[in-house]
C-alpha atoms as a PDB file:
ATOM      1  CA  MET A   1     -25.279  14.421 -84.935  1.00  0.00           C
ATOM      2  CA  ALA A   2     -23.235  11.399 -84.777  1.00  0.00           C
ATOM      3  CA  VAL A   3     -23.400  10.543 -81.160  1.00  0.00           C
ATOM      4  CA  SER A   4     -20.682   8.005 -79.847  1.00  0.00           C
ATOM      5  CA  LYS A   5     -21.840   5.400 -76.791  1.00  0.00           C
ATOM      6  CA  SER A   6     -20.116   7.545 -74.704  1.00  0.00           C
ATOM      7  CA  GLY A   7     -21.721  10.683 -75.603  1.00  0.00           C
ATOM      8  CA  TRP A   8     -20.498  13.039 -78.144  1.00  0.00           C
ATOM      9  CA  GLY A   9     -17.787  11.569 -79.981  1.00  0.00           C
ATOM     10  CA  LEU A  10     -15.039  13.778 -81.707  1.00  0.00           C
ATOM     11  CA  ASN A  11     -15.535  12.677 -84.673  1.00  0.00           C
ATOM     12  CA  ALA A  12     -19.197  13.861 -84.816  1.00  0.00           C
ATOM     13  CA  ILE A  13     -20.341  15.523 -87.964  1.00  0.00           C
ATOM     14  CA  ALA A  14     -22.961  18.086 -88.040  1.00  0.00           C
ATOM     15  CA  LYS A  15     -25.934  18.236 -90.737  1.00  0.00           C
ATOM     16  CA  PRO A  16     -28.318  20.565 -90.673  1.00  0.00           C
ATOM     17  CA  ALA A  17     -31.779  20.202 -89.759  1.00  0.00           C
ATOM     18  CA  ALA A  18     -33.985  19.927 -93.262  1.00  0.00           C
ATOM     19  CA  CYS A  19     -36.088  22.197 -91.293  1.00  0.00           C
ATOM     20  CA  CYS A  20     -33.828  24.653 -89.893  1.00  0.00           C
ATOM     21  CA  LYS A  21     -34.130  28.449 -90.733  1.00  0.00           C
ATOM     22  CA  LEU A  22     -30.276  29.541 -90.247  1.00  0.00           C
ATOM     23  CA  ALA A  23     -27.824  27.923 -92.226  1.00  0.00           C
ATOM     24  CA  ALA A  24     -24.841  26.153 -90.720  1.00  0.00           C
ATOM     25  CA  ARG A  25     -21.869  28.574 -89.632  1.00  0.00           C
ATOM     26  CA  PRO A  26     -18.297  27.599 -90.863  1.00  0.00           C
ATOM     27  CA  ALA A  27     -15.900  26.710 -88.603  1.00  0.00           C
ATOM     28  CA  PRO A  28     -13.920  29.647 -87.156  1.00  0.00           C
ATOM     29  CA  ASP A  29     -10.202  29.942 -88.224  1.00  0.00           C
ATOM     30  CA  ALA A  30      -7.797  28.637 -85.328  1.00  0.00           C
ATOM     31  CA  SER A  31      -5.343  31.392 -86.128  1.00  0.00           C
ATOM     32  CA  ALA A  32      -8.008  34.725 -85.664  1.00  0.00           C
ATOM     33  CA  TYR A  33      -9.116  33.492 -82.712  1.00  0.00           C
ATOM     34  CA  PRO A  34      -6.859  35.191 -80.279  1.00  0.00           C
ATOM     35  CA  VAL A  35      -6.950  38.450 -82.011  1.00  0.00           C
ATOM     36  CA  CYS A  36     -10.669  38.424 -82.359  1.00  0.00           C
ATOM     37  CA  MET A  37     -10.874  37.387 -78.427  1.00  0.00           C
ATOM     38  CA  SER A  38      -7.708  39.390 -77.306  1.00  0.00           C
ATOM     39  CA  ASN A  39      -9.316  42.955 -76.467  1.00  0.00           C
ATOM     40  CA  ALA A  40     -12.608  41.798 -75.161  1.00  0.00           C
ATOM     41  CA  SER A  41     -11.712  40.194 -72.097  1.00  0.00           C
ATOM     42  CA  ARG A  42      -9.058  42.623 -71.192  1.00  0.00           C
ATOM     43  CA  SER A  43      -9.516  44.626 -68.344  1.00  0.00           C
ATOM     44  CA  LEU A  44      -7.670  48.199 -66.858  1.00  0.00           C
ATOM     45  CA  TYR A  45      -5.423  47.885 -64.565  1.00  0.00           C
ATOM     46  CA  LEU A  46      -2.961  50.321 -62.541  1.00  0.00           C
ATOM     47  CA  ILE A  47       0.903  49.264 -61.810  1.00  0.00           C
ATOM     48  CA  CYS A  48       3.360  50.976 -59.521  1.00  0.00           C
ATOM     49  CA  TYR A  49       6.667  49.751 -58.193  1.00  0.00           C
ATOM     50  CA  ASP A  50       9.134  51.346 -55.603  1.00  0.00           C
ATOM     51  CA  VAL A  51      12.515  49.423 -56.548  1.00  0.00           C
ATOM     52  CA  CYS A  52      15.655  50.499 -54.418  1.00  0.00           C
ATOM     53  CA  ASN A  53      18.454  48.997 -56.970  1.00  0.00           C
ATOM     54  CA  PRO A  54      18.976  50.749 -60.239  1.00  0.00           C
ATOM     55  CA  ARG A  55      19.706  47.461 -62.265  1.00  0.00           C
ATOM     56  CA  ARG A  56      16.311  46.126 -61.000  1.00  0.00           C
ATOM     57  CA  LEU A  57      14.276  49.231 -61.295  1.00  0.00           C
ATOM     58  CA  TYR A  58      15.483  49.255 -65.310  1.00  0.00           C
ATOM     59  CA  ARG A  59      15.055  45.461 -66.111  1.00  0.00           C
ATOM     60  CA  VAL A  60      10.881  46.079 -64.371  1.00  0.00           C
ATOM     61  CA  ARG A  61      10.455  49.696 -66.360  1.00  0.00           C
ATOM     62  CA  LYS A  62      11.512  47.885 -69.193  1.00  0.00           C
ATOM     63  CA  TYR A  63       9.802  44.726 -68.813  1.00  0.00           C
ATOM     64  CA  LEU A  64       6.361  46.949 -67.715  1.00  0.00           C
ATOM     65  CA  LEU A  65       6.819  49.297 -71.009  1.00  0.00           C
ATOM     66  CA  ALA A  66       5.840  46.879 -73.170  1.00  0.00           C
ATOM     67  CA  TYR A  67       1.856  46.398 -71.864  1.00  0.00           C
ATOM     68  CA  LYS A  68       1.731  49.905 -70.551  1.00  0.00           C
ATOM     69  CA  VAL A  69      -1.121  52.405 -72.473  1.00  0.00           C
ATOM     70  CA  GLY A  70      -0.065  55.566 -70.045  1.00  0.00           C
ATOM     71  CA  GLY A  71       1.198  56.799 -67.180  1.00  0.00           C
ATOM     72  CA  GLN A  72       4.380  58.038 -65.979  1.00  0.00           C
ATOM     73  CA  LYS A  73       7.786  56.991 -64.363  1.00  0.00           C
ATOM     74  CA  SER A  74       6.889  54.227 -62.188  1.00  0.00           C
ATOM     75  CA  PHE A  75       3.116  53.698 -62.408  1.00  0.00           C
ATOM     76  CA  PHE A  76       1.959  52.365 -65.338  1.00  0.00           C
ATOM     77  CA  GLU A  77      -1.745  52.041 -66.960  1.00  0.00           C
ATOM     78  CA  CYS A  78      -2.333  49.066 -68.528  1.00  0.00           C
ATOM     79  CA  TRP A  79      -5.253  46.618 -70.617  1.00  0.00           C
ATOM     80  CA  LEU A  80      -4.674  42.581 -69.292  1.00  0.00           C
ATOM     81  CA  THR A  81      -5.891  39.457 -70.209  1.00  0.00           C
ATOM     82  CA  PRO A  82      -6.593  37.444 -67.127  1.00  0.00           C
ATOM     83  CA  ALA A  83      -3.271  35.464 -68.798  1.00  0.00           C
ATOM     84  CA  GLU A  84      -1.462  38.614 -68.915  1.00  0.00           C
ATOM     85  CA  LEU A  85      -1.925  39.805 -65.480  1.00  0.00           C
ATOM     86  CA  ARG A  86      -0.282  35.916 -64.720  1.00  0.00           C
ATOM     87  CA  GLU A  87       2.236  36.576 -66.502  1.00  0.00           C
ATOM     88  CA  VAL A  88       3.027  39.718 -65.283  1.00  0.00           C
ATOM     89  CA  ARG A  89       3.123  39.183 -61.420  1.00  0.00           C
ATOM     90  CA  ALA A  90       5.338  36.136 -62.084  1.00  0.00           C
ATOM     91  CA  THR A  91       7.494  38.524 -63.911  1.00  0.00           C
ATOM     92  CA  LEU A  92       7.493  40.577 -61.213  1.00  0.00           C
ATOM     93  CA  ASN A  93       7.936  38.284 -58.584  1.00  0.00           C
ATOM     94  CA  GLU A  94      10.957  37.040 -60.467  1.00  0.00           C
ATOM     95  CA  LEU A  95      12.296  40.226 -61.238  1.00  0.00           C
ATOM     96  CA  LEU A  96      12.117  41.889 -57.745  1.00  0.00           C
ATOM     97  CA  ASP A  97      13.224  41.689 -54.725  1.00  0.00           C
ATOM     98  CA  LEU A  98      10.799  40.992 -52.300  1.00  0.00           C
ATOM     99  CA  SER A  99      13.309  42.045 -49.222  1.00  0.00           C
ATOM    100  CA  GLU A 100      13.748  45.731 -50.504  1.00  0.00           C
ATOM    101  CA  ASP A 101      11.300  46.582 -53.563  1.00  0.00           C
ATOM    102  CA  ARG A 102       7.560  46.212 -53.915  1.00  0.00           C
ATOM    103  CA  ALA A 103       4.953  46.731 -56.677  1.00  0.00           C
ATOM    104  CA  HIS A 104       1.260  47.074 -56.550  1.00  0.00           C
ATOM    105  CA  ILE A 105      -1.169  46.233 -58.831  1.00  0.00           C
ATOM    106  CA  PHE A 106      -4.527  47.538 -58.923  1.00  0.00           C
ATOM    107  CA  GLN A 107      -7.843  46.804 -61.032  1.00  0.00           C
ATOM    108  CA  LEU A 108      -9.465  50.056 -62.319  1.00  0.00           C
ATOM    109  CA  ASP A 109     -12.746  51.007 -63.870  1.00  0.00           C
ATOM    110  CA  PRO A 110     -12.901  52.181 -67.299  1.00  0.00           C
ATOM    111  CA  ARG A 111     -15.641  53.345 -67.177  1.00  0.00           C
ATOM    112  CA  MET A 112     -15.309  55.758 -64.457  1.00  0.00           C
ATOM    113  CA  LYS A 113     -14.206  59.644 -66.115  1.00  0.00           C
ATOM    114  CA  CYS A 114     -10.725  60.470 -65.574  1.00  0.00           C
ATOM    115  CA  ASP A 115      -9.649  63.427 -63.661  1.00  0.00           C
ATOM    116  CA  LEU A 116      -6.493  65.072 -65.666  1.00  0.00           C
ATOM    117  CA  LEU A 117      -4.310  67.513 -64.031  1.00  0.00           C
ATOM    118  CA  GLY A 118      -1.294  69.585 -66.001  1.00  0.00           C
ATOM    119  CA  GLN A 119       0.332  67.993 -68.790  1.00  0.00           C
ATOM    120  CA  ALA A 120      -1.884  65.200 -68.203  1.00  0.00           C
ATOM    121  CA  THR A 121      -3.201  63.014 -71.145  1.00  0.00           C
ATOM    122  CA  PRO A 122      -5.793  59.914 -71.513  1.00  0.00           C
ATOM    123  CA  PRO A 123      -4.733  57.180 -71.619  1.00  0.00           C
ATOM    124  CA  VAL A 124      -4.854  55.530 -75.419  1.00  0.00           C
ATOM    125  CA  THR A 125      -7.356  52.870 -75.696  1.00  0.00           C
ATOM    126  CA  ASP A 126      -8.178  53.376 -79.572  1.00  0.00           C
ATOM    127  CA  VAL A 127      -6.680  49.913 -79.984  1.00  0.00           C
ATOM    128  CA  PHE A 128      -9.149  48.196 -77.715  1.00  0.00           C
ATOM    129  CA  MET A 129     -12.385  47.332 -78.111  1.00  0.00           C
ATOM    130  CA  ILE A 130     -14.070  49.190 -75.146  1.00  0.00           C
ATOM    131  CA  LEU A 131     -17.925  48.243 -73.981  1.00  0.00           C
END
Protein backbone atom coordinates (compact mmCIF):
# COMPACT_ATOMS: atom_id res chain seq x y z
CA MET A 1 0.00 0.00 0.00
CA ALA A 2 1.09 3.52 -0.64
CA VAL A 3 1.88 5.21 2.64
CA SER A 4 2.18 8.95 3.12
CA LYS A 5 4.62 10.52 5.55
CA SER A 6 1.81 11.07 8.05
CA GLY A 7 0.75 7.40 8.00
CA TRP A 8 -1.91 5.75 5.93
CA GLY A 9 -3.01 8.14 3.21
CA LEU A 10 -6.59 8.61 2.12
CA ASN A 11 -5.61 7.78 -1.43
CA ALA A 12 -3.78 4.57 -0.56
CA ILE A 13 -4.08 2.02 -3.35
CA ALA A 14 -4.32 -1.64 -2.37
CA LYS A 15 -2.12 -3.90 -4.49
CA PRO A 16 -2.28 -7.62 -3.77
CA ALA A 17 1.05 -9.27 -3.17
CA ALA A 18 2.26 -11.81 -5.73
CA CYS A 19 2.29 -14.58 -3.10
CA CYS A 20 -1.16 -13.73 -1.75
CA LYS A 21 -3.50 -16.76 -1.74
CA LEU A 22 -6.74 -14.77 -1.35
CA ALA A 23 -8.18 -12.67 -4.11
CA ALA A 24 -8.69 -9.02 -3.35
CA ARG A 25 -12.23 -8.36 -2.17
CA PRO A 26 -14.27 -5.80 -4.06
CA ALA A 27 -15.16 -2.65 -2.15
CA PRO A 28 -18.47 -3.03 -0.31
CA ASP A 29 -21.43 -1.13 -1.69
CA ALA A 30 -22.07 1.74 0.73
CA SER A 31 -25.81 1.68 0.12
CA ALA A 32 -26.07 -2.00 1.14
CA TYR A 33 -24.22 -1.54 4.44
CA PRO A 34 -27.16 -0.32 6.56
CA VAL A 35 -29.38 -3.10 5.21
CA CYS A 36 -26.99 -5.96 5.93
CA MET A 37 -25.76 -4.61 9.28
CA SER A 38 -29.02 -3.30 10.71
CA ASN A 39 -30.41 -6.61 11.99
CA ALA A 40 -27.20 -8.00 13.48
CA SER A 41 -26.89 -5.25 16.08
CA ARG A 42 -30.50 -5.21 17.27
CA SER A 43 -31.48 -6.03 20.84
CA LEU A 44 -34.89 -6.93 22.21
CA TYR A 45 -36.53 -4.34 24.48
CA LEU A 46 -39.80 -4.16 26.34
CA ILE A 47 -41.16 -0.62 26.29
CA CYS A 48 -44.09 0.12 28.59
CA TYR A 49 -45.71 3.43 29.35
CA ASP A 50 -48.38 5.03 31.51
CA VAL A 51 -49.68 8.29 30.05
CA CYS A 52 -52.40 10.36 31.77
CA ASN A 53 -53.52 12.63 28.93
CA PRO A 54 -55.43 10.89 26.08
CA ARG A 55 -53.83 13.13 23.45
CA ARG A 56 -50.29 12.34 24.61
CA LEU A 57 -51.27 8.67 24.95
CA TYR A 58 -52.34 8.59 21.29
CA ARG A 59 -49.08 10.26 20.17
CA VAL A 60 -46.87 7.90 22.19
CA ARG A 61 -48.78 4.83 21.01
CA LYS A 62 -48.68 5.94 17.37
CA TYR A 63 -44.93 6.60 17.62
CA LEU A 64 -44.09 3.24 19.21
CA LEU A 65 -46.25 1.25 16.76
CA ALA A 66 -43.53 1.86 14.16
CA TYR A 67 -41.03 -0.15 16.25
CA LYS A 68 -43.11 -2.90 17.83
CA VAL A 69 -43.04 -6.56 16.84
CA GLY A 70 -45.33 -7.74 19.63
CA GLY A 71 -47.12 -6.66 22.75
CA GLN A 72 -50.46 -5.34 23.91
CA LYS A 73 -51.92 -1.94 24.75
CA SER A 74 -49.11 -0.10 26.55
CA PHE A 75 -46.46 -2.88 26.46
CA PHE A 76 -44.46 -3.24 23.26
CA GLU A 77 -41.68 -5.66 22.35
CA CYS A 78 -39.23 -3.88 20.05
CA TRP A 79 -36.03 -4.90 18.27
CA LEU A 80 -33.85 -1.78 18.32
CA THR A 81 -30.35 -0.81 17.30
CA PRO A 82 -28.41 1.43 19.71
CA ALA A 83 -29.17 4.42 17.47
CA GLU A 84 -32.88 3.60 17.39
CA LEU A 85 -32.90 3.20 21.17
CA ARG A 86 -31.38 6.69 21.56
CA GLU A 87 -33.99 8.06 19.17
CA VAL A 88 -36.86 6.35 21.04
CA ARG A 89 -35.61 7.70 24.38
CA ALA A 90 -35.25 11.23 23.03
CA THR A 91 -38.67 11.19 21.36
CA LEU A 92 -40.41 9.78 24.44
CA ASN A 93 -38.73 12.50 26.48
CA GLU A 94 -40.34 15.07 24.17
CA LEU A 95 -43.77 13.40 23.96
CA LEU A 96 -44.26 12.71 27.68
CA ASP A 97 -45.03 15.16 30.44
CA LEU A 98 -42.44 13.93 32.92
CA SER A 99 -44.40 15.28 35.89
CA GLU A 100 -47.46 13.11 35.08
CA ASP A 101 -46.40 10.33 32.70
CA ARG A 102 -43.79 7.62 32.78
CA ALA A 103 -42.18 5.09 30.48
CA HIS A 104 -39.93 2.13 31.18
CA ILE A 105 -37.51 0.52 28.74
CA PHE A 106 -36.22 -2.94 29.68
CA GLN A 107 -33.64 -4.87 27.70
CA LEU A 108 -34.71 -8.50 27.33
CA ASP A 109 -32.64 -11.58 26.62
CA PRO A 110 -33.91 -13.01 23.32
CA ARG A 111 -32.41 -16.43 24.14
CA MET A 112 -34.86 -16.98 26.99
CA LYS A 113 -37.93 -19.11 26.35
CA CYS A 114 -41.22 -17.21 26.24
CA ASP A 115 -44.01 -18.28 28.57
CA LEU A 116 -47.31 -17.67 26.81
CA LEU A 117 -50.64 -17.59 28.64
CA GLY A 118 -54.15 -17.13 27.28
CA GLN A 119 -54.41 -15.95 23.69
CA ALA A 120 -50.79 -14.77 23.58
CA THR A 121 -48.77 -15.35 20.43
CA PRO A 122 -44.99 -15.36 20.18
CA PRO A 123 -43.42 -12.19 18.72
CA VAL A 124 -42.68 -12.12 15.01
CA THR A 125 -38.93 -12.53 14.58
CA ASP A 126 -38.66 -14.05 11.12
CA VAL A 127 -37.52 -10.79 9.51
CA PHE A 128 -34.49 -10.46 11.82
CA MET A 129 -31.38 -12.57 12.01
CA ILE A 130 -31.03 -13.90 15.54
CA LEU A 131 -27.91 -15.83 16.39
